[in-house]
Protein backbone atom coordinates (compact mmCIF):
# COMPACT_ATOMS: atom_id res chain seq x y z
CA MET A 1 -21.86 5.07 -15.79
CA LYS A 2 -20.01 7.92 -14.13
CA TYR A 3 -17.52 6.85 -11.47
CA TYR A 4 -15.90 9.15 -8.91
CA ILE A 5 -12.85 7.42 -7.37
CA ILE A 6 -10.74 8.62 -4.43
CA ALA A 7 -7.26 7.14 -3.82
CA GLY A 8 -4.93 9.05 -1.52
CA GLU A 9 -1.72 7.02 -1.61
CA ALA A 10 0.70 5.27 -3.98
CA SER A 11 -0.80 1.83 -3.33
CA GLY A 12 -4.27 3.27 -3.95
CA ASP A 13 -3.09 4.60 -7.31
CA LEU A 14 -1.88 1.11 -8.30
CA HIS A 15 -5.03 -0.69 -7.20
CA GLY A 16 -7.25 2.09 -8.50
CA ALA A 17 -5.70 1.81 -11.95
CA ASN A 18 -6.24 -1.95 -12.07
CA LEU A 19 -9.82 -1.55 -10.87
CA MET A 20 -10.49 1.09 -13.55
CA LYS A 21 -9.22 -1.30 -16.24
CA ALA A 22 -11.50 -4.01 -14.89
CA LEU A 23 -14.46 -1.60 -14.77
CA LEU A 24 -13.89 -0.74 -18.42
CA ASN A 25 -14.18 -4.46 -19.24
CA GLU A 26 -17.57 -4.53 -17.51
CA ASP A 27 -18.70 -1.06 -18.57
CA PRO A 28 -16.90 0.12 -21.76
CA LYS A 29 -18.56 3.55 -21.54
CA ALA A 30 -17.30 4.18 -17.99
CA ASP A 31 -16.56 7.86 -17.30
CA PHE A 32 -13.92 8.30 -14.56
CA ARG A 33 -13.19 11.34 -12.44
CA PHE A 34 -10.65 10.62 -9.72
CA TRP A 35 -8.14 11.58 -7.07
CA GLY A 36 -5.03 9.46 -7.63
CA GLY A 37 -1.77 9.35 -9.53
CA SER A 38 -0.06 8.66 -12.83
CA LEU A 39 -1.16 5.00 -13.03
CA MET A 40 -4.84 5.90 -12.81
CA GLU A 41 -4.25 8.80 -15.19
CA ALA A 42 -2.79 6.41 -17.76
CA VAL A 43 -6.06 4.43 -17.80
CA GLY A 44 -8.09 7.51 -18.68
CA GLY A 45 -10.61 9.94 -17.27
CA THR A 46 -10.05 13.20 -15.43
CA LYS A 47 -7.62 13.53 -12.53
CA VAL A 48 -8.83 16.07 -9.98
CA LYS A 49 -5.93 15.97 -7.50
CA ASP A 50 -2.71 14.00 -7.24
CA TYR A 51 -2.20 11.77 -4.21
CA HIS A 52 1.23 13.35 -3.64
CA ASP A 53 -0.60 16.44 -2.39
CA LEU A 54 -2.77 14.44 -0.01
CA ALA A 55 -0.52 12.05 1.92
CA PHE A 56 0.19 13.20 5.47
CA MET A 57 1.62 10.57 7.82
CA GLY A 58 1.21 10.46 11.61
CA PHE A 59 -0.77 12.45 14.17
CA VAL A 60 1.62 15.39 14.36
CA GLU A 61 1.89 15.70 10.58
CA VAL A 62 -1.92 15.64 10.22
CA ILE A 63 -2.33 18.40 12.80
CA LEU A 64 0.29 20.55 11.08
CA ASN A 65 -1.54 20.16 7.75
CA LEU A 66 -5.10 20.28 9.07
CA GLY A 67 -5.97 23.41 7.10
CA THR A 68 -4.99 21.78 3.82
CA ILE A 69 -6.90 18.60 4.65
CA LEU A 70 -10.10 20.47 5.53
CA SER A 71 -9.78 22.56 2.38
CA ASN A 72 -9.43 19.38 0.29
CA ILE A 73 -12.54 17.88 1.90
CA LYS A 74 -14.59 20.97 1.12
CA PHE A 75 -13.31 21.06 -2.46
CA CYS A 76 -14.04 17.34 -2.93
CA LYS A 77 -17.67 17.76 -1.88
CA ARG A 78 -18.17 20.61 -4.35
CA ASP A 79 -16.48 18.62 -7.12
CA ILE A 80 -18.69 15.59 -6.52
CA LEU A 81 -21.85 17.69 -6.71
CA SER A 82 -20.61 19.24 -9.94
CA PHE A 83 -19.80 15.86 -11.53
CA GLN A 84 -22.97 14.11 -10.31
CA PRO A 85 -21.52 10.56 -10.37
CA ASP A 86 -23.61 7.42 -10.46
CA LEU A 87 -21.48 6.10 -7.61
CA ILE A 88 -18.34 6.82 -5.59
CA ILE A 89 -15.53 4.33 -5.05
CA PHE A 90 -13.26 4.86 -2.03
CA ILE A 91 -9.85 3.17 -1.94
CA ASP A 92 -8.45 2.85 1.60
CA TYR A 93 -7.36 6.37 2.86
CA PRO A 94 -10.01 6.31 5.64
CA GLY A 95 -9.48 9.64 7.42
CA PHE A 96 -10.50 11.48 4.27
CA ASN A 97 -12.74 8.93 2.59
CA LEU A 98 -15.06 8.28 5.51
CA ARG A 99 -15.77 12.01 5.73
CA ILE A 100 -16.73 12.03 2.06
CA ALA A 101 -18.77 8.83 2.46
CA GLU A 102 -20.91 10.54 5.11
CA PHE A 103 -21.51 13.43 2.74
CA ALA A 104 -22.27 11.11 -0.20
CA LYS A 105 -24.79 9.13 1.81
CA LYS A 106 -26.69 12.33 2.65
CA GLU A 107 -26.65 13.21 -1.04
CA LYS A 108 -28.01 9.72 -1.85
CA ILE A 109 -24.99 8.79 -3.99
CA PRO A 110 -24.18 5.04 -3.81
CA THR A 111 -20.93 4.36 -1.93
CA HIS A 112 -18.50 1.49 -2.60
CA TYR A 113 -15.36 0.97 -0.48
CA TYR A 114 -12.52 -1.03 -2.07
CA ILE A 115 -9.75 -2.09 0.37
CA SER A 116 -11.15 -1.68 3.85
CA PRO A 117 -9.70 0.70 6.42
CA GLN A 118 -7.72 -1.33 8.93
CA ILE A 119 -10.23 -0.84 11.72
CA TRP A 120 -9.35 -4.30 13.04
CA ALA A 121 -6.04 -2.71 14.13
CA TRP A 122 -7.24 0.62 15.48
CA LYS A 123 -10.21 2.98 15.50
CA GLU A 124 -12.60 0.04 15.56
CA ASN A 125 -15.40 2.48 16.43
CA ARG A 126 -15.31 3.51 12.76
CA ILE A 127 -17.47 0.46 12.15
CA HIS A 128 -20.50 2.60 13.03
CA GLN A 129 -19.63 5.11 10.28
CA ILE A 130 -19.00 2.30 7.81
CA LYS A 131 -22.30 0.54 8.55
CA ARG A 132 -24.13 3.84 8.19
CA ASP A 133 -22.40 5.35 5.16
CA VAL A 134 -20.88 2.54 3.05
CA ASP A 135 -23.29 0.59 0.84
CA GLN A 136 -20.81 -2.06 -0.33
CA MET A 137 -17.45 -3.02 1.22
CA TYR A 138 -14.82 -5.08 -0.63
CA VAL A 139 -12.15 -6.59 1.64
CA ILE A 140 -8.80 -8.02 0.53
CA LEU A 141 -7.54 -9.88 3.60
CA PRO A 142 -9.08 -13.23 4.60
CA PHE A 143 -9.53 -12.39 8.28
CA GLU A 144 -11.37 -9.15 7.48
CA LYS A 145 -14.51 -10.98 6.33
CA ASP A 146 -14.78 -12.73 9.69
CA PHE A 147 -14.09 -9.46 11.51
CA TYR A 148 -16.89 -7.59 9.75
CA GLU A 149 -19.51 -10.31 9.44
CA ASN A 150 -19.12 -12.31 12.65
CA LYS A 151 -17.98 -9.59 15.03
CA HIS A 152 -19.96 -6.66 13.65
CA GLN A 153 -22.78 -8.23 11.61
CA TYR A 154 -21.90 -6.17 8.55
CA PRO A 155 -21.87 -8.15 5.26
CA VAL A 156 -18.81 -7.61 3.03
CA HIS A 157 -17.34 -9.06 -0.18
CA TYR A 158 -13.99 -10.87 0.11
CA VAL A 159 -12.34 -10.44 -3.29
CA GLY A 160 -8.75 -11.51 -2.61
CA HIS A 161 -5.64 -9.33 -2.64
CA PRO A 162 -5.07 -7.10 -5.71
CA LEU A 163 -1.29 -7.36 -5.33
CA LEU A 164 -1.53 -10.86 -6.75
CA ASP A 165 -2.91 -9.30 -9.94
CA ALA A 166 -0.36 -6.51 -10.04
CA ILE A 167 2.57 -8.90 -9.70
CA ALA A 168 1.21 -11.65 -11.96
CA ASN A 169 0.43 -9.23 -14.80
CA ARG A 170 3.81 -7.50 -14.92
CA PRO A 171 6.31 -8.38 -17.69
CA LEU A 172 9.27 -10.60 -16.76
CA VAL A 173 12.61 -8.89 -16.20
CA ASP A 174 15.90 -10.08 -17.66
CA PRO A 175 18.34 -9.84 -14.69
CA ASN A 176 21.42 -9.32 -16.85
CA LYS A 177 19.76 -6.61 -18.92
CA PHE A 178 18.45 -4.91 -15.78
CA ARG A 179 21.91 -4.83 -14.21
CA LEU A 180 23.45 -3.46 -17.40
CA GLU A 181 20.81 -0.74 -17.89
CA ASN A 182 21.11 0.42 -14.28
CA ASN A 183 24.90 0.22 -13.97
CA LEU A 184 24.83 -2.54 -11.35
CA ASN A 185 27.67 -5.01 -10.74
CA GLU A 186 27.47 -8.79 -10.34
CA LYS A 187 27.21 -8.82 -6.54
CA PRO A 188 23.89 -10.03 -5.06
CA ILE A 189 21.46 -7.16 -4.59
CA ILE A 190 20.02 -6.06 -1.26
CA SER A 191 17.15 -3.70 -1.98
CA LEU A 192 16.36 -0.82 0.34
CA LEU A 193 12.70 0.24 0.43
CA PRO A 194 12.61 3.16 2.90
CA GLY A 195 9.03 4.25 2.24
CA SER A 196 7.47 6.98 0.14
CA ARG A 197 7.20 10.04 2.42
CA LYS A 198 10.07 12.41 3.14
CA GLN A 199 9.87 12.19 6.93
CA GLU A 200 9.97 8.39 7.02
CA ILE A 201 12.65 8.09 4.32
CA LYS A 202 15.02 10.40 6.23
CA LYS A 203 14.68 8.45 9.47
CA ILE A 204 14.72 4.94 8.01
CA LEU A 205 17.19 5.17 5.13
CA SER A 206 19.94 6.63 7.34
CA VAL A 207 19.91 3.44 9.44
CA MET A 208 19.64 1.11 6.44
CA LEU A 209 22.71 2.69 4.87
CA LYS A 210 24.82 1.66 7.89
CA MET A 211 24.73 -1.90 6.54
CA ILE A 212 26.94 -1.13 3.52
CA ASP A 213 30.28 -1.58 5.26
CA GLU A 214 28.96 -4.54 7.26
CA PHE A 215 28.11 -6.58 4.13
CA PRO A 216 30.81 -5.82 1.52
CA ASN A 217 29.95 -8.86 -0.63
CA TYR A 218 26.58 -7.36 -1.55
CA GLN A 219 25.46 -4.24 -3.41
CA PHE A 220 22.79 -2.01 -1.92
CA VAL A 221 20.20 -0.42 -4.18
CA VAL A 222 17.55 2.08 -3.08
CA ALA A 223 14.08 1.76 -4.59
CA GLY A 224 13.16 5.38 -5.21
CA ALA A 225 9.51 6.24 -4.71
CA PRO A 226 7.71 7.98 -7.59
CA SER A 227 6.67 10.72 -5.16
CA GLN A 228 10.28 11.84 -4.54
CA ASP A 229 12.93 13.43 -6.76
CA LEU A 230 16.33 11.84 -7.29
CA SER A 231 17.94 14.91 -5.67
CA PHE A 232 16.13 14.18 -2.40
CA TYR A 233 17.73 10.73 -2.14
CA GLN A 234 21.11 12.11 -3.17
CA SER A 235 20.93 14.62 -0.30
CA ILE A 236 20.75 11.68 2.14
CA ILE A 237 23.12 9.22 0.43
CA ALA A 238 26.75 10.29 0.50
CA ASP A 239 28.17 6.90 -0.53
CA ASN A 240 28.63 6.49 -4.28
CA ARG A 241 28.53 2.70 -3.86
CA VAL A 242 24.75 2.96 -3.36
CA LYS A 243 22.62 3.05 -6.50
CA ILE A 244 19.19 4.67 -6.67
CA ILE A 245 16.64 3.25 -9.10
CA GLN A 246 13.39 5.17 -9.35
CA ASN A 247 9.93 3.97 -10.34
CA LYS A 248 11.09 0.36 -10.85
CA THR A 249 10.46 -1.20 -7.45
CA TYR A 250 8.90 -4.40 -8.83
CA ASP A 251 11.70 -4.86 -11.36
CA LEU A 252 14.28 -4.32 -8.62
CA LEU A 253 12.62 -6.76 -6.23
CA SER A 254 12.44 -9.41 -8.95
CA VAL A 255 16.26 -9.47 -9.20
CA SER A 256 17.05 -8.98 -5.50
CA TYR A 257 18.57 -11.44 -3.06
CA ALA A 258 17.22 -9.78 0.09
CA ALA A 259 15.50 -6.55 1.11
CA LEU A 260 15.14 -4.09 3.98
CA VAL A 261 11.58 -2.85 3.82
CA THR A 262 9.59 -0.15 5.57
CA SER A 263 6.37 -1.45 7.11
CA GLY A 264 3.31 -1.18 4.90
CA THR A 265 2.12 -2.70 1.65
CA ALA A 266 5.73 -3.11 0.50
CA THR A 267 6.29 -5.89 3.06
CA LEU A 268 3.62 -8.00 1.37
CA GLU A 269 4.84 -7.09 -2.13
CA THR A 270 8.36 -8.23 -1.20
CA ALA A 271 7.05 -11.51 0.19
CA LEU A 272 5.01 -12.21 -2.95
CA PHE A 273 8.22 -11.75 -4.96
CA LYS A 274 9.72 -14.43 -2.65
CA ILE A 275 12.47 -12.09 -1.41
CA PRO A 276 13.67 -12.63 2.20
CA GLU A 277 13.21 -9.38 4.08
CA VAL A 278 13.62 -7.45 7.31
CA VAL A 279 10.75 -5.10 8.16
CA CYS A 280 11.81 -1.69 9.47
CA TYR A 281 9.93 1.23 10.95
CA LYS A 282 10.90 4.45 12.72
CA GLY A 283 8.61 7.47 12.81
CA ASN A 284 7.94 10.64 14.72
CA GLN A 285 8.29 9.65 18.39
CA LEU A 286 5.14 11.44 19.53
CA SER A 287 3.07 9.97 16.69
CA TYR A 288 4.47 6.53 17.50
CA GLU A 289 3.64 6.79 21.22
CA ILE A 290 0.09 7.90 20.45
CA GLY A 291 -0.38 5.17 17.86
CA LYS A 292 0.99 2.47 20.16
CA ARG A 293 -1.68 3.31 22.72
CA LEU A 294 -4.48 3.30 20.17
CA VAL A 295 -3.66 0.05 18.36
CA LYS A 296 -5.38 -2.87 20.06
CA ASN A 297 -4.63 -6.59 20.07
CA ILE A 298 -2.25 -6.41 17.12
CA LYS A 299 0.95 -8.41 17.55
CA TYR A 300 2.64 -7.38 14.30
CA ILE A 301 2.99 -4.38 11.97
CA SER A 302 3.78 -6.23 8.73
CA LEU A 303 1.01 -7.68 6.59
CA VAL A 304 3.07 -10.84 6.13
CA ASN A 305 3.05 -11.67 9.83
CA LEU A 306 -0.54 -10.47 10.31
CA ILE A 307 -1.90 -12.75 7.59
CA LEU A 308 0.14 -15.76 8.75
CA ASP A 309 -0.60 -14.90 12.40
CA ARG A 310 2.98 -15.66 13.38
CA GLU A 311 6.43 -14.16 12.93
CA CYS A 312 7.72 -15.02 9.50
CA VAL A 313 9.71 -11.83 8.91
CA LYS A 314 11.66 -9.98 11.58
CA GLU A 315 10.16 -6.62 12.58
CA LEU A 316 12.41 -3.86 13.93
CA ILE A 317 10.25 -1.03 15.24
CA GLN A 318 11.19 2.43 16.52
CA ASN A 319 14.02 2.11 19.11
CA ASP A 320 14.64 -1.52 18.13
CA PHE A 321 15.45 -0.32 14.65
CA ASN A 322 19.16 0.37 15.10
CA LYS A 323 22.45 -0.67 13.51
CA LYS A 324 23.14 -3.58 15.87
CA ASN A 325 19.72 -5.20 15.51
CA LEU A 326 19.51 -4.58 11.78
CA LYS A 327 22.90 -6.18 11.20
CA LYS A 328 21.82 -9.34 13.04
CA ALA A 329 18.45 -9.49 11.27
CA LEU A 330 20.00 -9.01 7.83
CA LYS A 331 22.62 -11.67 8.56
CA ASP A 332 19.78 -14.05 9.40
CA VAL A 333 17.93 -13.56 6.09
CA LEU A 334 21.18 -14.22 4.23
CA ASP A 335 21.54 -17.59 5.99
CA GLN A 336 20.46 -20.37 3.64
CA GLU A 337 18.61 -22.46 6.22
CA LYS A 338 16.57 -19.48 7.42
CA ARG A 339 15.89 -18.41 3.85
CA THR A 340 14.45 -21.84 3.07
CA LYS A 341 12.08 -21.59 6.03
CA MET A 342 10.99 -18.11 4.90
CA PHE A 343 10.31 -19.38 1.36
CA GLU A 344 8.04 -22.07 2.82
CA ASP A 345 6.18 -19.42 4.81
CA TYR A 346 5.84 -17.25 1.70
CA TYR A 347 4.28 -20.17 -0.17
CA GLN A 348 1.73 -20.64 2.60
CA LEU A 349 1.03 -16.90 2.57
CA GLU A 350 0.18 -17.02 -1.13
CA GLN A 351 -2.12 -20.00 -0.60
CA ILE A 352 -4.01 -18.12 2.12
CA LEU A 353 -4.48 -15.08 -0.11
CA GLY A 354 -6.01 -17.21 -2.86
CA GLY A 355 -5.67 -16.68 -6.57
CA LYS A 356 -5.54 -13.57 -8.66
CA GLY A 357 -8.59 -11.72 -9.97
CA ALA A 358 -9.44 -9.25 -7.18
CA SER A 359 -9.85 -6.28 -9.53
CA GLN A 360 -12.16 -8.13 -11.91
CA LYS A 361 -14.23 -9.63 -9.09
CA THR A 362 -14.70 -6.19 -7.57
CA ALA A 363 -15.60 -4.57 -10.89
CA LYS A 364 -18.25 -7.22 -11.58
CA LEU A 365 -19.75 -6.71 -8.13
CA ILE A 366 -19.78 -2.90 -8.46
CA VAL A 367 -21.35 -2.83 -11.90
CA GLY A 368 -23.74 -5.64 -10.99
CA ALA A 369 -24.92 -3.83 -7.85
CA GLU A 370 -25.60 -0.62 -9.73
CA VAL A 371 -27.39 -2.33 -12.62
CA LYS A 372 -29.56 -4.13 -10.09
CA ASP A 373 -30.39 -0.85 -8.35
CA VAL A 374 -31.31 0.83 -11.64
CA ARG A 375 -33.58 -2.05 -12.68
CA SER A 376 -35.31 -2.15 -9.30
């Protein structure tokens, strides 16, 4: 079958690549055309656009790039009609993907949505679009099934979280070899994960770096995002004590003692690596104020706390994200008693998420649904 897949962010590229591998197991003749990144490209098929050209964060940033976004939507519609796929798979990225889903439904192209938009947090009215335009929805968080089915009477497939697959399938890292190859010393490592977009990295990393002199017995290492050049990080980091390691975030986390992490998927990734963390976020003030008024009934911004429904990891958001608060929070996650409690919470988190196999479960459901439709 011919699959058209749209992933607009780094996490979508990771999960899209694993889903493509699983689809090939179910359908060896699968023909992929996709929007994504290097991980999906490595699996095979034709890449139409790279997600680096698509990711715009926040209300202000979207408005400033509205022309580009609308142009991409128009191009995507033409490209779909030219390719004539048997189905379209959307991976998160709702602002763009729901527009294309509406178009696909009118064109009678089956629509599958892998990794639900977080409409339980904001823009809940998108449920009407989803019920109208999405044929099959695959959710990855346990509470999402209840949200869709019991609150909105929309049946979905709960497949588990694909991060469990991504982490379980990666090769083990030799800590000593990793330190030697990356010119790291023997001090315990505190990883800095300041996000993937320029505007968030500039705001967040500058505060994280203030911890260096406060914790001299540790070494601080920045996890460079694949979307940014080394020179960009070097323009922000003036201290030669700070190392930058690019495109090896999982390897870095696996040898870390603690981490400072920008809110998003990385908070869950860090927890699944069993690394005590502090969650940090600081964005455009106007975008933040707008977002704060639109998000409803959500007590936390990190996936760790949302899934556990309590505070496991400390969240420092916007004005609370400052040197004083960060120093206290980091000191806490270095305390052995508090680390032990966090490890216990992480274990419970993993139990809630269930076992690995999300990609394969989803692939079986997608191929099975389409084979059923063809036979009927």
